[in-house]
PDB file of N, CA and C in Angstrom:
ATOM      1  N   MET A   1      46.407  18.891  13.077  1.00  0.00           N
ATOM      2  CA  MET A   1      45.712  19.506  11.755  1.00  0.00           C
ATOM      3  C   MET A   1      44.348  19.009  11.117  1.00  0.00           C
ATOM      4  N   ALA A   2      43.332  20.154  11.295  1.00  0.00           N
ATOM      5  CA  ALA A   2      41.906  19.799  10.823  1.00  0.00           C
ATOM      6  C   ALA A   2      41.784  19.191   9.447  1.00  0.00           C
ATOM      7  N   THR A   3      40.871  18.209   9.393  1.00  0.00           N
ATOM      8  CA  THR A   3      40.826  17.472   7.968  1.00  0.00           C
ATOM      9  C   THR A   3      40.007  18.696   7.300  1.00  0.00           C
ATOM     10  N   THR A   4      40.716  18.619   5.909  1.00  0.00           N
ATOM     11  CA  THR A   4      39.883  19.520   4.992  1.00  0.00           C
ATOM     12  C   THR A   4      39.412  18.864   3.820  1.00  0.00           C
ATOM     13  N   ILE A   5      38.129  19.192   3.284  1.00  0.00           N
ATOM     14  CA  ILE A   5      37.491  18.684   2.007  1.00  0.00           C
ATOM     15  C   ILE A   5      37.283  19.881   1.473  1.00  0.00           C
ATOM     16  N   TRP A   6      37.081  19.548   0.058  1.00  0.00           N
ATOM     17  CA  TRP A   6      36.855  20.561  -1.146  1.00  0.00           C
ATOM     18  C   TRP A   6      35.580  20.048  -1.689  1.00  0.00           C
ATOM     19  N   ILE A   7      34.574  21.082  -2.005  1.00  0.00           N
ATOM     20  CA  ILE A   7      33.346  20.844  -2.853  1.00  0.00           C
ATOM     21  C   ILE A   7      33.316  21.768  -3.953  1.00  0.00           C
ATOM     22  N   MET A   8      33.223  21.338  -4.968  1.00  0.00           N
ATOM     23  CA  MET A   8      33.380  21.883  -6.040  1.00  0.00           C
ATOM     24  C   MET A   8      32.051  22.001  -6.954  1.00  0.00           C
ATOM     25  N   ALA A   9      31.489  23.107  -6.983  1.00  0.00           N
ATOM     26  CA  ALA A   9      30.076  23.138  -7.714  1.00  0.00           C
ATOM     27  C   ALA A   9      30.217  24.001  -9.010  1.00  0.00           C
ATOM     28  N   GLY A  10      29.777  23.725 -10.086  1.00  0.00           N
ATOM     29  CA  GLY A  10      29.821  24.632 -11.214  1.00  0.00           C
ATOM     30  C   GLY A  10      28.676  25.784 -11.446  1.00  0.00           C
ATOM     31  N   GLU A  11      27.703  25.404 -11.090  1.00  0.00           N
ATOM     32  CA  GLU A  11      26.608  26.224 -11.442  1.00  0.00           C
ATOM     33  C   GLU A  11      25.667  26.446 -10.113  1.00  0.00           C
ATOM     34  N   GLU A  12      24.732  27.270 -10.353  1.00  0.00           N
ATOM     35  CA  GLU A  12      23.794  27.695  -9.141  1.00  0.00           C
ATOM     36  C   GLU A  12      23.155  26.670  -8.465  1.00  0.00           C
ATOM     37  N   SER A  13      22.510  25.622  -8.888  1.00  0.00           N
ATOM     38  CA  SER A  13      21.938  24.741  -8.426  1.00  0.00           C
ATOM     39  C   SER A  13      22.774  23.429  -7.544  1.00  0.00           C
ATOM     40  N   GLY A  14      24.150  23.499  -8.117  1.00  0.00           N
ATOM     41  CA  GLY A  14      24.916  22.879  -7.387  1.00  0.00           C
ATOM     42  C   GLY A  14      25.801  23.607  -6.339  1.00  0.00           C
ATOM     43  N   ASP A  15      25.595  24.753  -6.326  1.00  0.00           N
ATOM     44  CA  ASP A  15      26.259  25.589  -5.432  1.00  0.00           C
ATOM     45  C   ASP A  15      24.844  25.305  -4.142  1.00  0.00           C
ATOM     46  N   ALA A  16      23.610  25.316  -4.423  1.00  0.00           N
ATOM     47  CA  ALA A  16      22.880  24.996  -3.410  1.00  0.00           C
ATOM     48  C   ALA A  16      23.016  23.771  -2.615  1.00  0.00           C
ATOM     49  N   TYR A  17      23.211  22.531  -3.519  1.00  0.00           N
ATOM     50  CA  TYR A  17      23.703  21.084  -2.794  1.00  0.00           C
ATOM     51  C   TYR A  17      24.826  21.461  -1.950  1.00  0.00           C
ATOM     52  N   GLY A  18      25.838  22.076  -2.778  1.00  0.00           N
ATOM     53  CA  GLY A  18      27.009  22.379  -1.894  1.00  0.00           C
ATOM     54  C   GLY A  18      27.030  22.876  -0.621  1.00  0.00           C
ATOM     55  N   ALA A  19      25.998  23.875  -0.607  1.00  0.00           N
ATOM     56  CA  ALA A  19      25.921  24.550   0.650  1.00  0.00           C
ATOM     57  C   ALA A  19      25.312  23.521   1.736  1.00  0.00           C
ATOM     58  N   ARG A  20      24.248  22.870   1.422  1.00  0.00           N
ATOM     59  CA  ARG A  20      23.540  22.006   2.069  1.00  0.00           C
ATOM     60  C   ARG A  20      24.551  20.827   2.806  1.00  0.00           C
ATOM     61  N   LEU A  21      25.145  20.031   1.526  1.00  0.00           N
ATOM     62  CA  LEU A  21      26.412  19.253   2.156  1.00  0.00           C
ATOM     63  C   LEU A  21      27.239  19.851   3.169  1.00  0.00           C
ATOM     64  N   ALA A  22      27.863  21.094   2.878  1.00  0.00           N
ATOM     65  CA  ALA A  22      28.596  21.616   3.744  1.00  0.00           C
ATOM     66  C   ALA A  22      28.128  21.613   5.244  1.00  0.00           C
ATOM     67  N   GLN A  23      26.996  22.215   5.094  1.00  0.00           N
ATOM     68  CA  GLN A  23      26.025  21.946   6.778  1.00  0.00           C
ATOM     69  C   GLN A  23      25.998  20.839   7.112  1.00  0.00           C
ATOM     70  N   ALA A  24      25.838  19.706   6.610  1.00  0.00           N
ATOM     71  CA  ALA A  24      25.497  18.507   6.859  1.00  0.00           C
ATOM     72  C   ALA A  24      26.921  17.734   7.506  1.00  0.00           C
ATOM     73  N   LEU A  25      27.756  18.228   6.769  1.00  0.00           N
ATOM     74  CA  LEU A  25      29.045  17.551   7.002  1.00  0.00           C
ATOM     75  C   LEU A  25      29.783  18.236   8.166  1.00  0.00           C
ATOM     76  N   ARG A  26      29.490  19.467   8.414  1.00  0.00           N
ATOM     77  CA  ARG A  26      29.966  20.122   9.640  1.00  0.00           C
ATOM     78  C   ARG A  26      29.300  19.863  10.802  1.00  0.00           C
ATOM     79  N   ALA A  27      27.954  19.420  11.026  1.00  0.00           N
ATOM     80  CA  ALA A  27      27.222  18.980  11.657  1.00  0.00           C
ATOM     81  C   ALA A  27      27.850  17.563  12.307  1.00  0.00           C
ATOM     82  N   GLU A  28      28.242  16.781  11.598  1.00  0.00           N
ATOM     83  CA  GLU A  28      28.562  15.524  11.893  1.00  0.00           C
ATOM     84  C   GLU A  28      30.060  15.781  12.291  1.00  0.00           C
ATOM     85  N   ARG A  29      30.798  16.577  11.832  1.00  0.00           N
ATOM     86  CA  ARG A  29      32.319  16.845  12.293  1.00  0.00           C
ATOM     87  C   ARG A  29      32.700  18.181  12.396  1.00  0.00           C
ATOM     88  N   PRO A  30      32.401  18.566  13.655  1.00  0.00           N
ATOM     89  CA  PRO A  30      32.402  20.150  13.850  1.00  0.00           C
ATOM     90  C   PRO A  30      33.769  20.688  13.431  1.00  0.00           C
ATOM     91  N   GLY A  31      35.025  20.044  13.307  1.00  0.00           N
ATOM     92  CA  GLY A  31      36.062  20.836  13.044  1.00  0.00           C
ATOM     93  C   GLY A  31      36.553  20.705  11.718  1.00  0.00           C
ATOM     94  N   LEU A  32      35.613  20.264  10.878  1.00  0.00           N
ATOM     95  CA  LEU A  32      35.972  20.081   9.483  1.00  0.00           C
ATOM     96  C   LEU A  32      35.946  21.376   8.787  1.00  0.00           C
ATOM     97  N   VAL A  33      37.237  21.512   7.887  1.00  0.00           N
ATOM     98  CA  VAL A  33      37.596  22.741   7.353  1.00  0.00           C
ATOM     99  C   VAL A  33      37.009  22.304   5.739  1.00  0.00           C
ATOM    100  N   VAL A  34      35.950  22.970   5.245  1.00  0.00           N
ATOM    101  CA  VAL A  34      35.275  23.030   3.891  1.00  0.00           C
ATOM    102  C   VAL A  34      35.725  24.098   3.017  1.00  0.00           C
ATOM    103  N   LYS A  35      36.225  23.922   1.931  1.00  0.00           N
ATOM    104  CA  LYS A  35      36.707  24.945   0.790  1.00  0.00           C
ATOM    105  C   LYS A  35      36.160  24.201  -0.507  1.00  0.00           C
ATOM    106  N   GLY A  36      36.142  25.276  -1.370  1.00  0.00           N
ATOM    107  CA  GLY A  36      35.809  24.974  -2.815  1.00  0.00           C
ATOM    108  C   GLY A  36      35.496  26.051  -3.764  1.00  0.00           C
ATOM    109  N   MET A  37      34.789  25.467  -4.880  1.00  0.00           N
ATOM    110  CA  MET A  37      34.429  26.384  -6.041  1.00  0.00           C
ATOM    111  C   MET A  37      32.830  26.495  -5.818  1.00  0.00           C
ATOM    112  N   GLY A  38      32.280  27.649  -5.756  1.00  0.00           N
ATOM    113  CA  GLY A  38      30.984  27.839  -5.597  1.00  0.00           C
ATOM    114  C   GLY A  38      30.375  29.276  -5.574  1.00  0.00           C
ATOM    115  N   GLY A  39      29.274  29.384  -5.162  1.00  0.00           N
ATOM    116  CA  GLY A  39      28.806  30.745  -5.219  1.00  0.00           C
ATOM    117  C   GLY A  39      28.328  31.316  -3.742  1.00  0.00           C
ATOM    118  N   ARG A  40      27.157  32.231  -3.875  1.00  0.00           N
ATOM    119  CA  ARG A  40      26.656  32.901  -2.704  1.00  0.00           C
ATOM    120  C   ARG A  40      26.129  31.583  -1.740  1.00  0.00           C
ATOM    121  N   ALA A  41      25.517  30.664  -2.175  1.00  0.00           N
ATOM    122  CA  ALA A  41      24.982  29.936  -1.139  1.00  0.00           C
ATOM    123  C   ALA A  41      25.960  28.983  -0.468  1.00  0.00           C
ATOM    124  N   MET A  42      27.046  28.570  -0.896  1.00  0.00           N
ATOM    125  CA  MET A  42      28.146  27.876  -0.274  1.00  0.00           C
ATOM    126  C   MET A  42      28.931  28.822   0.632  1.00  0.00           C
ATOM    127  N   ALA A  43      29.133  30.045   0.058  1.00  0.00           N
ATOM    128  CA  ALA A  43      29.915  31.108   0.813  1.00  0.00           C
ATOM    129  C   ALA A  43      29.085  31.418   2.196  1.00  0.00           C
ATOM    130  N   ALA A  44      27.861  31.455   2.076  1.00  0.00           N
ATOM    131  CA  ALA A  44      26.784  31.680   3.111  1.00  0.00           C
ATOM    132  C   ALA A  44      26.965  30.603   4.076  1.00  0.00           C
ATOM    133  N   ALA A  45      26.954  29.140   3.801  1.00  0.00           N
ATOM    134  CA  ALA A  45      27.185  28.164   4.504  1.00  0.00           C
ATOM    135  C   ALA A  45      28.421  28.090   5.024  1.00  0.00           C
ATOM    136  N   GLY A  46      29.403  28.790   5.040  1.00  0.00           N
ATOM    137  CA  GLY A  46      30.550  28.947   5.817  1.00  0.00           C
ATOM    138  C   GLY A  46      31.812  28.418   4.788  1.00  0.00           C
ATOM    139  N   VAL A  47      31.613  28.044   3.578  1.00  0.00           N
ATOM    140  CA  VAL A  47      32.591  27.558   2.566  1.00  0.00           C
ATOM    141  C   VAL A  47      33.429  28.524   2.397  1.00  0.00           C
ATOM    142  N   GLU A  48      34.975  28.037   2.472  1.00  0.00           N
ATOM    143  CA  GLU A  48      35.883  29.286   1.964  1.00  0.00           C
ATOM    144  C   GLU A  48      35.892  29.024   0.534  1.00  0.00           C
ATOM    145  N   ILE A  49      35.520  29.988  -0.242  1.00  0.00           N
ATOM    146  CA  ILE A  49      35.267  30.059  -1.739  1.00  0.00           C
ATOM    147  C   ILE A  49      36.763  30.225  -2.360  1.00  0.00           C
ATOM    148  N   LEU A  50      37.117  29.068  -3.078  1.00  0.00           N
ATOM    149  CA  LEU A  50      38.680  29.587  -3.576  1.00  0.00           C
ATOM    150  C   LEU A  50      38.280  29.823  -5.023  1.00  0.00           C
ATOM    151  N   LEU A  51      37.182  29.678  -5.660  1.00  0.00           N
ATOM    152  CA  LEU A  51      37.108  30.149  -6.738  1.00  0.00           C
ATOM    153  C   LEU A  51      35.593  30.355  -6.966  1.00  0.00           C
ATOM    154  N   ASP A  52      34.911  31.512  -7.413  1.00  0.00           N
ATOM    155  CA  ASP A  52      33.490  31.943  -7.459  1.00  0.00           C
ATOM    156  C   ASP A  52      33.047  31.403  -8.876  1.00  0.00           C
ATOM    157  N   SER A  53      32.258  30.421  -8.825  1.00  0.00           N
ATOM    158  CA  SER A  53      31.727  29.798 -10.145  1.00  0.00           C
ATOM    159  C   SER A  53      30.667  30.572 -10.715  1.00  0.00           C
ATOM    160  N   SER A  54      30.013  31.499 -10.190  1.00  0.00           N
ATOM    161  CA  SER A  54      29.272  32.498 -10.727  1.00  0.00           C
ATOM    162  C   SER A  54      30.015  33.390 -11.947  1.00  0.00           C
ATOM    163  N   GLU A  55      31.347  33.413 -11.821  1.00  0.00           N
ATOM    164  CA  GLU A  55      31.912  34.086 -12.838  1.00  0.00           C
ATOM    165  C   GLU A  55      32.380  33.218 -13.922  1.00  0.00           C
ATOM    166  N   LEU A  56      31.976  31.889 -14.198  1.00  0.00           N
ATOM    167  CA  LEU A  56      32.360  30.980 -14.840  1.00  0.00           C
ATOM    168  C   LEU A  56      31.173  30.534 -15.871  1.00  0.00           C
ATOM    169  N   GLY A  57      30.186  30.956 -15.667  1.00  0.00           N
ATOM    170  CA  GLY A  57      28.872  30.612 -16.102  1.00  0.00           C
ATOM    171  C   GLY A  57      28.848  31.154 -17.620  1.00  0.00           C
ATOM    172  N   VAL A  58      29.022  30.361 -18.655  1.00  0.00           N
ATOM    173  CA  VAL A  58      28.821  30.777 -19.935  1.00  0.00           C
ATOM    174  C   VAL A  58      27.964  29.625 -20.702  1.00  0.00           C
ATOM    175  N   VAL A  59      27.428  30.172 -21.854  1.00  0.00           N
ATOM    176  CA  VAL A  59      26.450  29.176 -22.714  1.00  0.00           C
ATOM    177  C   VAL A  59      26.757  29.501 -24.233  1.00  0.00           C
ATOM    178  N   GLY A  60      27.221  28.369 -24.768  1.00  0.00           N
ATOM    179  CA  GLY A  60      27.464  28.446 -26.143  1.00  0.00           C
ATOM    180  C   GLY A  60      28.823  28.382 -26.711  1.00  0.00           C
ATOM    181  N   LEU A  61      29.034  27.802 -27.772  1.00  0.00           N
ATOM    182  CA  LEU A  61      30.437  27.293 -28.180  1.00  0.00           C
ATOM    183  C   LEU A  61      30.970  29.007 -28.235  1.00  0.00           C
ATOM    184  N   VAL A  62      30.856  29.744 -28.767  1.00  0.00           N
ATOM    185  CA  VAL A  62      31.576  31.024 -29.045  1.00  0.00           C
ATOM    186  C   VAL A  62      31.951  31.524 -27.637  1.00  0.00           C
ATOM    187  N   GLU A  63      30.967  31.383 -26.862  1.00  0.00           N
ATOM    188  CA  GLU A  63      31.015  32.176 -25.373  1.00  0.00           C
ATOM    189  C   GLU A  63      32.212  31.372 -24.656  1.00  0.00           C
ATOM    190  N   VAL A  64      32.158  30.008 -24.786  1.00  0.00           N
ATOM    191  CA  VAL A  64      32.850  29.083 -24.062  1.00  0.00           C
ATOM    192  C   VAL A  64      34.482  29.218 -24.619  1.00  0.00           C
ATOM    193  N   LEU A  65      34.584  29.237 -26.008  1.00  0.00           N
ATOM    194  CA  LEU A  65      35.995  29.668 -26.519  1.00  0.00           C
ATOM    195  C   LEU A  65      36.537  30.912 -26.273  1.00  0.00           C
ATOM    196  N   GLY A  66      35.610  31.964 -26.079  1.00  0.00           N
ATOM    197  CA  GLY A  66      36.085  33.262 -25.780  1.00  0.00           C
ATOM    198  C   GLY A  66      36.414  33.351 -24.515  1.00  0.00           C
ATOM    199  N   HIS A  67      36.142  32.283 -23.520  1.00  0.00           N
ATOM    200  CA  HIS A  67      36.593  32.372 -21.955  1.00  0.00           C
ATOM    201  C   HIS A  67      37.384  31.158 -21.791  1.00  0.00           C
ATOM    202  N   LEU A  68      38.056  30.354 -22.773  1.00  0.00           N
ATOM    203  CA  LEU A  68      39.014  29.428 -22.621  1.00  0.00           C
ATOM    204  C   LEU A  68      40.275  29.683 -21.608  1.00  0.00           C
ATOM    205  N   GLY A  69      40.721  30.956 -22.045  1.00  0.00           N
ATOM    206  CA  GLY A  69      41.743  31.145 -21.150  1.00  0.00           C
ATOM    207  C   GLY A  69      41.556  31.161 -19.597  1.00  0.00           C
ATOM    208  N   THR A  70      40.446  31.810 -19.302  1.00  0.00           N
ATOM    209  CA  THR A  70      40.079  31.919 -17.948  1.00  0.00           C
ATOM    210  C   THR A  70      39.613  30.679 -17.279  1.00  0.00           C
ATOM    211  N   PHE A  71      39.230  29.346 -18.040  1.00  0.00           N
ATOM    212  CA  PHE A  71      38.930  28.144 -17.504  1.00  0.00           C
ATOM    213  C   PHE A  71      40.201  27.226 -17.544  1.00  0.00           C
ATOM    214  N   VAL A  72      41.260  27.635 -18.282  1.00  0.00           N
ATOM    215  CA  VAL A  72      42.435  26.967 -18.279  1.00  0.00           C
ATOM    216  C   VAL A  72      43.263  27.544 -16.780  1.00  0.00           C
ATOM    217  N   ARG A  73      43.230  28.792 -16.895  1.00  0.00           N
ATOM    218  CA  ARG A  73      44.072  29.396 -15.538  1.00  0.00           C
ATOM    219  C   ARG A  73      43.263  28.822 -14.304  1.00  0.00           C
ATOM    220  N   ALA A  74      42.002  28.943 -14.284  1.00  0.00           N
ATOM    221  CA  ALA A  74      41.266  28.403 -12.808  1.00  0.00           C
ATOM    222  C   ALA A  74      41.581  26.706 -12.833  1.00  0.00           C
ATOM    223  N   LEU A  75      41.534  26.166 -13.717  1.00  0.00           N
ATOM    224  CA  LEU A  75      41.757  24.775 -13.625  1.00  0.00           C
ATOM    225  C   LEU A  75      43.288  24.411 -13.164  1.00  0.00           C
ATOM    226  N   LYS A  76      44.382  25.210 -13.672  1.00  0.00           N
ATOM    227  CA  LYS A  76      45.711  25.546 -13.155  1.00  0.00           C
ATOM    228  C   LYS A  76      45.915  25.880 -11.826  1.00  0.00           C
ATOM    229  N   ALA A  77      45.197  26.934 -11.396  1.00  0.00           N
ATOM    230  CA  ALA A  77      45.463  27.437 -10.198  1.00  0.00           C
ATOM    231  C   ALA A  77      44.724  26.454  -9.047  1.00  0.00           C
ATOM    232  N   LEU A  78      43.340  26.046  -9.452  1.00  0.00           N
ATOM    233  CA  LEU A  78      42.640  24.842  -8.414  1.00  0.00           C
ATOM    234  C   LEU A  78      43.787  23.582  -8.251  1.00  0.00           C
ATOM    235  N   SER A  79      44.318  22.982  -9.471  1.00  0.00           N
ATOM    236  CA  SER A  79      45.203  22.062  -9.598  1.00  0.00           C
ATOM    237  C   SER A  79      46.515  22.170  -8.608  1.00  0.00           C
ATOM    238  N   GLU A  80      46.959  23.271  -8.735  1.00  0.00           N
ATOM    239  CA  GLU A  80      48.417  23.575  -7.910  1.00  0.00           C
ATOM    240  C   GLU A  80      47.999  23.716  -6.383  1.00  0.00           C
ATOM    241  N   ARG A  81      46.913  24.337  -6.243  1.00  0.00           N
ATOM    242  CA  ARG A  81      46.506  24.367  -4.860  1.00  0.00           C
ATOM    243  C   ARG A  81      45.882  23.146  -4.001  1.00  0.00           C
ATOM    244  N   ALA A  82      45.380  22.309  -4.827  1.00  0.00           N
ATOM    245  CA  ALA A  82      45.197  20.915  -4.324  1.00  0.00           C
ATOM    246  C   ALA A  82      46.390  20.028  -4.135  1.00  0.00           C
ATOM    247  N   ALA A  83      47.245  20.318  -5.296  1.00  0.00           N
ATOM    248  CA  ALA A  83      48.725  19.584  -4.753  1.00  0.00           C
ATOM    249  C   ALA A  83      49.215  19.950  -3.470  1.00  0.00           C
ATOM    250  N   ALA A  84      49.299  21.410  -3.289  1.00  0.00           N
ATOM    251  CA  ALA A  84      49.867  22.061  -2.233  1.00  0.00           C
ATOM    252  C   ALA A  84      49.249  21.479  -0.802  1.00  0.00           C
ATOM    253  N   GLU A  85      47.746  21.794  -0.921  1.00  0.00           N
ATOM    254  CA  GLU A  85      47.047  21.443   0.536  1.00  0.00           C
ATOM    255  C   GLU A  85      46.666  20.006   0.364  1.00  0.00           C
ATOM    256  N   ARG A  86      46.399  19.406  -0.437  1.00  0.00           N
ATOM    257  CA  ARG A  86      46.421  17.964  -0.148  1.00  0.00           C
ATOM    258  C   ARG A  86      44.821  17.731   0.445  1.00  0.00           C
ATOM    259  N   PRO A  87      43.924  18.097   0.140  1.00  0.00           N
ATOM    260  CA  PRO A  87      42.491  17.879   0.905  1.00  0.00           C
ATOM    261  C   PRO A  87      42.234  16.332   1.047  1.00  0.00           C
ATOM    262  N   ALA A  88      41.626  16.129   2.048  1.00  0.00           N
ATOM    263  CA  ALA A  88      41.139  14.498   2.577  1.00  0.00           C
ATOM    264  C   ALA A  88      40.187  13.906   1.219  1.00  0.00           C
ATOM    265  N   ALA A  89      39.360  15.065   0.652  1.00  0.00           N
ATOM    266  CA  ALA A  89      38.325  14.472  -0.262  1.00  0.00           C
ATOM    267  C   ALA A  89      38.138  15.784  -1.063  1.00  0.00           C
ATOM    268  N   VAL A  90      37.722  15.352  -2.359  1.00  0.00           N
ATOM    269  CA  VAL A  90      37.037  16.390  -3.215  1.00  0.00           C
ATOM    270  C   VAL A  90      35.831  16.034  -3.803  1.00  0.00           C
ATOM    271  N   VAL A  91      34.477  16.586  -3.527  1.00  0.00           N
ATOM    272  CA  VAL A  91      33.239  16.529  -4.142  1.00  0.00           C
ATOM    273  C   VAL A  91      32.944  17.126  -5.103  1.00  0.00           C
ATOM    274  N   LEU A  92      32.818  16.536  -6.199  1.00  0.00           N
ATOM    275  CA  LEU A  92      32.340  17.300  -7.529  1.00  0.00           C
ATOM    276  C   LEU A  92      30.897  17.196  -7.495  1.00  0.00           C
ATOM    277  N   ILE A  93      30.399  18.483  -7.915  1.00  0.00           N
ATOM    278  CA  ILE A  93      28.969  18.451  -8.386  1.00  0.00           C
ATOM    279  C   ILE A  93      28.846  19.184  -9.551  1.00  0.00           C
ATOM    280  N   ASP A  94      27.825  18.692 -10.407  1.00  0.00           N
ATOM    281  CA  ASP A  94      27.723  19.052 -11.793  1.00  0.00           C
ATOM    282  C   ASP A  94      28.651  18.670 -12.668  1.00  0.00           C
TER     283      ASP A  94
END
């Protein structure tokens, strides 16, 4: 079974860093599976996007409260998937 890591990036600059990290890690370990939360850059780098972080970008207390249900559902879904898949490592960016 291939080793899997997750890269979790919460916004656009983190998405760019996550993409670069995924490319560097795969250069070192060609069979590595990389999944995570990110956007276009990570997807273009071959990361299997579990959750598109561009859908989560909100600013301000009112906007955050308005999207609280979305955030809770996303956290629950990712937590359950992590428990099931058991990635070897999780890299948090942002």
